[in-house]
């Protein structure tokens, strides 16, 4: 797609608020260069299974500690 066709599409279908959300902000680093829509879409999502990552990390670390204590003794 050419640049002109994208611009005409934006003019035809976007209103002033969508232009506002598409603007690039260099001063606000909290969004890491993403638009408001992208930030809202990519937030932390609820995991119905709970804190899987934390549990797996604890199990992994406990196994490492067991291996370390066995090798030292």
PDB file of N, CA and C in Angstrom:
ATOM      1  N   UNK A   1       0.833  -1.181   0.000  1.00  0.00           N
ATOM      2  CA  UNK A   1       0.000   0.000   0.000  1.00  0.00           C
ATOM      3  C   UNK A   1       0.874   1.240   0.000  1.00  0.00           C
ATOM      4  N   UNK A   2       0.486   2.203  -0.775  1.00  0.00           N
ATOM      5  CA  UNK A   2       1.285   3.418  -0.837  1.00  0.00           C
ATOM      6  C   UNK A   2       0.938   4.347   0.309  1.00  0.00           C
ATOM      7  N   UNK A   3       1.811   5.274   0.544  1.00  0.00           N
ATOM      8  CA  UNK A   3       1.637   6.235   1.647  1.00  0.00           C
ATOM      9  C   UNK A   3       0.391   7.099   1.437  1.00  0.00           C
ATOM     10  N   UNK A   4       0.122   7.494   0.187  1.00  0.00           N
ATOM     11  CA  UNK A   4      -1.033   8.349  -0.105  1.00  0.00           C
ATOM     12  C   UNK A   4      -2.347   7.636   0.170  1.00  0.00           C
ATOM     13  N   UNK A   5      -2.416   6.349  -0.169  1.00  0.00           N
ATOM     14  CA  UNK A   5      -3.665   5.626   0.078  1.00  0.00           C
ATOM     15  C   UNK A   5      -3.904   5.458   1.575  1.00  0.00           C
ATOM     16  N   UNK A   6      -2.834   5.293   2.366  1.00  0.00           N
ATOM     17  CA  UNK A   6      -2.999   5.214   3.816  1.00  0.00           C
ATOM     18  C   UNK A   6      -3.487   6.538   4.385  1.00  0.00           C
ATOM     19  N   UNK A   7      -2.934   7.627   3.886  1.00  0.00           N
ATOM     20  CA  UNK A   7      -3.357   8.940   4.368  1.00  0.00           C
ATOM     21  C   UNK A   7      -4.814   9.205   4.031  1.00  0.00           C
ATOM     22  N   UNK A   8      -5.246   8.849   2.828  1.00  0.00           N
ATOM     23  CA  UNK A   8      -6.646   9.074   2.462  1.00  0.00           C
ATOM     24  C   UNK A   8      -7.563   8.166   3.275  1.00  0.00           C
ATOM     25  N   UNK A   9      -7.126   6.952   3.583  1.00  0.00           N
ATOM     26  CA  UNK A   9      -7.916   6.054   4.426  1.00  0.00           C
ATOM     27  C   UNK A   9      -8.086   6.650   5.815  1.00  0.00           C
ATOM     28  N   UNK A  10      -6.988   7.170   6.376  1.00  0.00           N
ATOM     29  CA  UNK A  10      -7.061   7.783   7.700  1.00  0.00           C
ATOM     30  C   UNK A  10      -7.992   8.983   7.697  1.00  0.00           C
ATOM     31  N   UNK A  11      -7.890   9.813   6.679  1.00  0.00           N
ATOM     32  CA  UNK A  11      -8.758  10.990   6.599  1.00  0.00           C
ATOM     33  C   UNK A  11     -10.224  10.590   6.480  1.00  0.00           C
ATOM     34  N   UNK A  12     -10.501   9.524   5.765  1.00  0.00           N
ATOM     35  CA  UNK A  12     -11.885   9.115   5.536  1.00  0.00           C
ATOM     36  C   UNK A  12     -12.499   8.421   6.748  1.00  0.00           C
ATOM     37  N   UNK A  13     -11.701   7.685   7.518  1.00  0.00           N
ATOM     38  CA  UNK A  13     -12.267   6.827   8.553  1.00  0.00           C
ATOM     39  C   UNK A  13     -11.949   7.231   9.985  1.00  0.00           C
ATOM     40  N   UNK A  14     -10.968   8.074  10.209  1.00  0.00           N
ATOM     41  CA  UNK A  14     -10.580   8.421  11.575  1.00  0.00           C
ATOM     42  C   UNK A  14     -11.137   9.782  11.956  1.00  0.00           C
ATOM     43  N   UNK A  15     -11.543   9.905  13.208  1.00  0.00           N
ATOM     44  CA  UNK A  15     -11.968  11.209  13.702  1.00  0.00           C
ATOM     45  C   UNK A  15     -10.822  11.837  14.493  1.00  0.00           C
ATOM     46  N   UNK A  16     -11.069  12.998  15.084  1.00  0.00           N
ATOM     47  CA  UNK A  16     -10.002  13.732  15.770  1.00  0.00           C
ATOM     48  C   UNK A  16      -9.427  12.960  16.960  1.00  0.00           C
ATOM     49  N   UNK A  17     -10.246  12.145  17.619  1.00  0.00           N
ATOM     50  CA  UNK A  17      -9.766  11.415  18.794  1.00  0.00           C
ATOM     51  C   UNK A  17      -8.854  10.265  18.394  1.00  0.00           C
ATOM     52  N   UNK A  18      -9.152   9.619  17.294  1.00  0.00           N
ATOM     53  CA  UNK A  18      -8.273   8.553  16.831  1.00  0.00           C
ATOM     54  C   UNK A  18      -6.949   9.116  16.340  1.00  0.00           C
ATOM     55  N   UNK A  19      -6.961  10.283  15.735  1.00  0.00           N
ATOM     56  CA  UNK A  19      -5.704  10.940  15.385  1.00  0.00           C
ATOM     57  C   UNK A  19      -4.900  11.242  16.640  1.00  0.00           C
ATOM     58  N   UNK A  20      -5.588  11.662  17.689  1.00  0.00           N
ATOM     59  CA  UNK A  20      -4.911  11.959  18.952  1.00  0.00           C
ATOM     60  C   UNK A  20      -4.241  10.705  19.501  1.00  0.00           C
ATOM     61  N   UNK A  21      -4.912   9.568  19.400  1.00  0.00           N
ATOM     62  CA  UNK A  21      -4.351   8.320  19.912  1.00  0.00           C
ATOM     63  C   UNK A  21      -3.232   7.783  19.029  1.00  0.00           C
ATOM     64  N   UNK A  22      -3.208   8.168  17.772  1.00  0.00           N
ATOM     65  CA  UNK A  22      -2.167   7.693  16.863  1.00  0.00           C
ATOM     66  C   UNK A  22      -0.905   8.540  16.907  1.00  0.00           C
ATOM     67  N   UNK A  23      -0.980   9.680  17.536  1.00  0.00           N
ATOM     68  CA  UNK A  23       0.174  10.582  17.574  1.00  0.00           C
ATOM     69  C   UNK A  23       1.328   9.924  18.317  1.00  0.00           C
ATOM     70  N   UNK A  24       2.529  10.146  17.835  1.00  0.00           N
ATOM     71  CA  UNK A  24       3.712   9.586  18.483  1.00  0.00           C
ATOM     72  C   UNK A  24       4.198  10.555  19.544  1.00  0.00           C
ATOM     73  N   UNK A  25       4.437  10.053  20.724  1.00  0.00           N
ATOM     74  CA  UNK A  25       4.895  10.887  21.829  1.00  0.00           C
ATOM     75  C   UNK A  25       6.306  10.461  22.198  1.00  0.00           C
ATOM     76  N   UNK A  26       7.233  11.375  22.091  1.00  0.00           N
ATOM     77  CA  UNK A  26       8.607  11.042  22.467  1.00  0.00           C
ATOM     78  C   UNK A  26       8.872  11.373  23.925  1.00  0.00           C
ATOM     79  N   UNK A  27       8.049  12.217  24.534  1.00  0.00           N
ATOM     80  CA  UNK A  27       8.299  12.658  25.903  1.00  0.00           C
ATOM     81  C   UNK A  27       7.804  11.658  26.938  1.00  0.00           C
ATOM     82  N   UNK A  28       6.807  10.879  26.620  1.00  0.00           N
ATOM     83  CA  UNK A  28       6.224   9.948  27.584  1.00  0.00           C
ATOM     84  C   UNK A  28       6.824   8.562  27.378  1.00  0.00           C
ATOM     85  N   UNK A  29       7.768   8.187  28.209  1.00  0.00           N
ATOM     86  CA  UNK A  29       8.435   6.899  28.045  1.00  0.00           C
ATOM     87  C   UNK A  29       7.724   5.771  28.766  1.00  0.00           C
ATOM     88  N   UNK A  30       6.706   6.073  29.552  1.00  0.00           N
ATOM     89  CA  UNK A  30       5.995   5.026  30.268  1.00  0.00           C
ATOM     90  C   UNK A  30       5.290   4.055  29.348  1.00  0.00           C
ATOM     91  N   UNK A  31       4.867   4.522  28.181  1.00  0.00           N
ATOM     92  CA  UNK A  31       4.175   3.665  27.230  1.00  0.00           C
ATOM     93  C   UNK A  31       5.107   2.997  26.256  1.00  0.00           C
ATOM     94  N   UNK A  32       6.382   3.265  26.349  1.00  0.00           N
ATOM     95  CA  UNK A  32       7.412   2.669  25.500  1.00  0.00           C
ATOM     96  C   UNK A  32       7.130   2.905  24.021  1.00  0.00           C
ATOM     97  N   UNK A  33       6.645   4.108  23.695  1.00  0.00           N
ATOM     98  CA  UNK A  33       6.417   4.460  22.305  1.00  0.00           C
ATOM     99  C   UNK A  33       5.145   3.904  21.716  1.00  0.00           C
ATOM    100  N   UNK A  34       4.259   3.359  22.541  1.00  0.00           N
ATOM    101  CA  UNK A  34       3.018   2.789  22.034  1.00  0.00           C
ATOM    102  C   UNK A  34       1.880   3.790  22.173  1.00  0.00           C
ATOM    103  N   UNK A  35       0.838   3.589  21.396  1.00  0.00           N
ATOM    104  CA  UNK A  35      -0.333   4.452  21.492  1.00  0.00           C
ATOM    105  C   UNK A  35      -1.159   4.040  22.710  1.00  0.00           C
ATOM    106  N   UNK A  36      -2.157   4.851  23.044  1.00  0.00           N
ATOM    107  CA  UNK A  36      -3.019   4.526  24.178  1.00  0.00           C
ATOM    108  C   UNK A  36      -3.779   3.235  23.926  1.00  0.00           C
ATOM    109  N   UNK A  37      -4.199   3.022  22.699  1.00  0.00           N
ATOM    110  CA  UNK A  37      -4.925   1.787  22.365  1.00  0.00           C
ATOM    111  C   UNK A  37      -4.039   0.567  22.572  1.00  0.00           C
ATOM    112  N   UNK A  38      -2.790   0.658  22.123  1.00  0.00           N
ATOM    113  CA  UNK A  38      -1.868  -0.469  22.292  1.00  0.00           C
ATOM    114  C   UNK A  38      -1.595  -0.747  23.758  1.00  0.00           C
ATOM    115  N   UNK A  39      -1.379   0.306  24.547  1.00  0.00           N
ATOM    116  CA  UNK A  39      -1.124   0.114  25.971  1.00  0.00           C
ATOM    117  C   UNK A  39      -2.307  -0.544  26.657  1.00  0.00           C
ATOM    118  N   UNK A  40      -3.501  -0.125  26.312  1.00  0.00           N
ATOM    119  CA  UNK A  40      -4.692  -0.726  26.905  1.00  0.00           C
ATOM    120  C   UNK A  40      -4.861  -2.175  26.509  1.00  0.00           C
ATOM    121  N   UNK A  41      -4.493  -2.496  25.275  1.00  0.00           N
ATOM    122  CA  UNK A  41      -4.636  -3.857  24.779  1.00  0.00           C
ATOM    123  C   UNK A  41      -3.587  -4.789  25.374  1.00  0.00           C
ATOM    124  N   UNK A  42      -2.408  -4.264  25.683  1.00  0.00           N
ATOM    125  CA  UNK A  42      -1.293  -5.101  26.125  1.00  0.00           C
ATOM    126  C   UNK A  42      -1.016  -5.016  27.619  1.00  0.00           C
ATOM    127  N   UNK A  43      -2.019  -4.690  28.414  1.00  0.00           N
ATOM    128  CA  UNK A  43      -1.802  -4.647  29.854  1.00  0.00           C
ATOM    129  C   UNK A  43      -1.768  -6.061  30.408  1.00  0.00           C
ATOM    130  N   UNK A  44      -1.426  -6.178  31.671  1.00  0.00           N
ATOM    131  CA  UNK A  44      -1.421  -7.490  32.302  1.00  0.00           C
ATOM    132  C   UNK A  44      -2.836  -8.043  32.331  1.00  0.00           C
ATOM    133  N   UNK A  45      -2.986  -9.233  31.842  1.00  0.00           N
ATOM    134  CA  UNK A  45      -4.298  -9.863  31.771  1.00  0.00           C
ATOM    135  C   UNK A  45      -4.436 -10.849  32.923  1.00  0.00           C
ATOM    136  N   UNK A  46      -5.655 -11.001  33.398  1.00  0.00           N
ATOM    137  CA  UNK A  46      -5.900 -11.917  34.507  1.00  0.00           C
ATOM    138  C   UNK A  46      -5.682 -13.350  34.047  1.00  0.00           C
ATOM    139  N   UNK A  47      -4.965 -14.115  34.844  1.00  0.00           N
ATOM    140  CA  UNK A  47      -4.724 -15.522  34.554  1.00  0.00           C
ATOM    141  C   UNK A  47      -5.604 -16.342  35.490  1.00  0.00           C
ATOM    142  N   UNK A  48      -6.562 -17.106  34.976  1.00  0.00           N
ATOM    143  CA  UNK A  48      -7.475 -17.838  35.846  1.00  0.00           C
ATOM    144  C   UNK A  48      -6.789 -18.936  36.659  1.00  0.00           C
ATOM    145  N   UNK A  49      -5.616 -19.365  36.248  1.00  0.00           N
ATOM    146  CA  UNK A  49      -4.928 -20.433  36.966  1.00  0.00           C
ATOM    147  C   UNK A  49      -4.136 -19.910  38.160  1.00  0.00           C
ATOM    148  N   UNK A  50      -4.083 -18.623  38.365  1.00  0.00           N
ATOM    149  CA  UNK A  50      -3.384 -18.082  39.529  1.00  0.00           C
ATOM    150  C   UNK A  50      -1.967 -17.659  39.220  1.00  0.00           C
ATOM    151  N   UNK A  51      -1.132 -17.731  40.216  1.00  0.00           N
ATOM    152  CA  UNK A  51       0.243 -17.242  40.105  1.00  0.00           C
ATOM    153  C   UNK A  51       1.171 -18.372  39.664  1.00  0.00           C
ATOM    154  N   UNK A  52       0.981 -18.824  38.441  1.00  0.00           N
ATOM    155  CA  UNK A  52       1.759 -19.960  37.931  1.00  0.00           C
ATOM    156  C   UNK A  52       3.247 -19.655  37.889  1.00  0.00           C
ATOM    157  N   UNK A  53       3.583 -18.470  37.406  1.00  0.00           N
ATOM    158  CA  UNK A  53       4.991 -18.123  37.258  1.00  0.00           C
ATOM    159  C   UNK A  53       5.689 -18.106  38.601  1.00  0.00           C
ATOM    160  N   UNK A  54       5.044 -17.525  39.623  1.00  0.00           N
ATOM    161  CA  UNK A  54       5.655 -17.457  40.946  1.00  0.00           C
ATOM    162  C   UNK A  54       5.850 -18.851  41.527  1.00  0.00           C
ATOM    163  N   UNK A  55       4.864 -19.700  41.375  1.00  0.00           N
ATOM    164  CA  UNK A  55       4.957 -21.057  41.912  1.00  0.00           C
ATOM    165  C   UNK A  55       6.074 -21.825  41.221  1.00  0.00           C
ATOM    166  N   UNK A  56       6.146 -21.719  39.892  1.00  0.00           N
ATOM    167  CA  UNK A  56       7.195 -22.429  39.161  1.00  0.00           C
ATOM    168  C   UNK A  56       8.576 -21.900  39.526  1.00  0.00           C
ATOM    169  N   UNK A  57       8.684 -20.602  39.720  1.00  0.00           N
ATOM    170  CA  UNK A  57       9.969 -20.023  40.097  1.00  0.00           C
ATOM    171  C   UNK A  57      10.401 -20.513  41.479  1.00  0.00           C
ATOM    172  N   UNK A  58       9.459 -20.603  42.417  1.00  0.00           N
ATOM    173  CA  UNK A  58       9.788 -21.106  43.754  1.00  0.00           C
ATOM    174  C   UNK A  58      10.236 -22.560  43.698  1.00  0.00           C
ATOM    175  N   UNK A  59       9.534 -23.378  42.929  1.00  0.00           N
ATOM    176  CA  UNK A  59       9.923 -24.785  42.804  1.00  0.00           C
ATOM    177  C   UNK A  59      11.303 -24.920  42.164  1.00  0.00           C
ATOM    178  N   UNK A  60      11.547 -24.138  41.129  1.00  0.00           N
ATOM    179  CA  UNK A  60      12.833 -24.181  40.446  1.00  0.00           C
ATOM    180  C   UNK A  60      13.957 -23.761  41.385  1.00  0.00           C
ATOM    181  N   UNK A  61      13.748 -22.680  42.134  1.00  0.00           N
ATOM    182  CA  UNK A  61      14.775 -22.204  43.057  1.00  0.00           C
ATOM    183  C   UNK A  61      15.016 -23.186  44.187  1.00  0.00           C
ATOM    184  N   UNK A  62      13.962 -23.840  44.672  1.00  0.00           N
ATOM    185  CA  UNK A  62      14.156 -24.817  45.744  1.00  0.00           C
ATOM    186  C   UNK A  62      14.964 -26.013  45.249  1.00  0.00           C
ATOM    187  N   UNK A  63      14.731 -26.430  44.001  1.00  0.00           N
ATOM    188  CA  UNK A  63      15.528 -27.522  43.437  1.00  0.00           C
ATOM    189  C   UNK A  63      16.995 -27.119  43.307  1.00  0.00           C
ATOM    190  N   UNK A  64      17.251 -25.885  42.877  1.00  0.00           N
ATOM    191  CA  UNK A  64      18.633 -25.417  42.778  1.00  0.00           C
ATOM    192  C   UNK A  64      19.308 -25.393  44.145  1.00  0.00           C
ATOM    193  N   UNK A  65      18.589 -24.942  45.166  1.00  0.00           N
ATOM    194  CA  UNK A  65      19.151 -24.894  46.512  1.00  0.00           C
ATOM    195  C   UNK A  65      19.465 -26.295  47.022  1.00  0.00           C
ATOM    196  N   UNK A  66      18.584 -27.253  46.731  1.00  0.00           N
ATOM    197  CA  UNK A  66      18.835 -28.638  47.144  1.00  0.00           C
ATOM    198  C   UNK A  66      20.098 -29.175  46.474  1.00  0.00           C
ATOM    199  N   UNK A  67      20.258 -28.889  45.194  1.00  0.00           N
ATOM    200  CA  UNK A  67      21.442 -29.355  44.471  1.00  0.00           C
ATOM    201  C   UNK A  67      22.711 -28.727  45.032  1.00  0.00           C
ATOM    202  N   UNK A  68      22.639 -27.434  45.376  1.00  0.00           N
ATOM    203  CA  UNK A  68      23.804 -26.748  45.934  1.00  0.00           C
ATOM    204  C   UNK A  68      24.200 -27.327  47.286  1.00  0.00           C
ATOM    205  N   UNK A  69      23.218 -27.592  48.133  1.00  0.00           N
ATOM    206  CA  UNK A  69      23.544 -28.119  49.465  1.00  0.00           C
ATOM    207  C   UNK A  69      24.088 -29.539  49.360  1.00  0.00           C
ATOM    208  N   UNK A  70      23.597 -30.326  48.424  1.00  0.00           N
ATOM    209  CA  UNK A  70      24.113 -31.688  48.236  1.00  0.00           C
ATOM    210  C   UNK A  70      25.558 -31.657  47.743  1.00  0.00           C
ATOM    211  N   UNK A  71      25.860 -30.733  46.846  1.00  0.00           N
ATOM    212  CA  UNK A  71      27.212 -30.680  46.291  1.00  0.00           C
ATOM    213  C   UNK A  71      28.217 -30.146  47.312  1.00  0.00           C
ATOM    214  N   UNK A  72      27.779 -29.319  48.249  1.00  0.00           N
ATOM    215  CA  UNK A  72      28.674 -28.772  49.267  1.00  0.00           C
ATOM    216  C   UNK A  72      28.952 -29.775  50.385  1.00  0.00           C
ATOM    217  N   UNK A  73      28.013 -30.649  50.659  1.00  0.00           N
ATOM    218  CA  UNK A  73      28.221 -31.579  51.780  1.00  0.00           C
ATOM    219  C   UNK A  73      28.941 -32.838  51.388  1.00  0.00           C
TER     220      UNK A  73
END
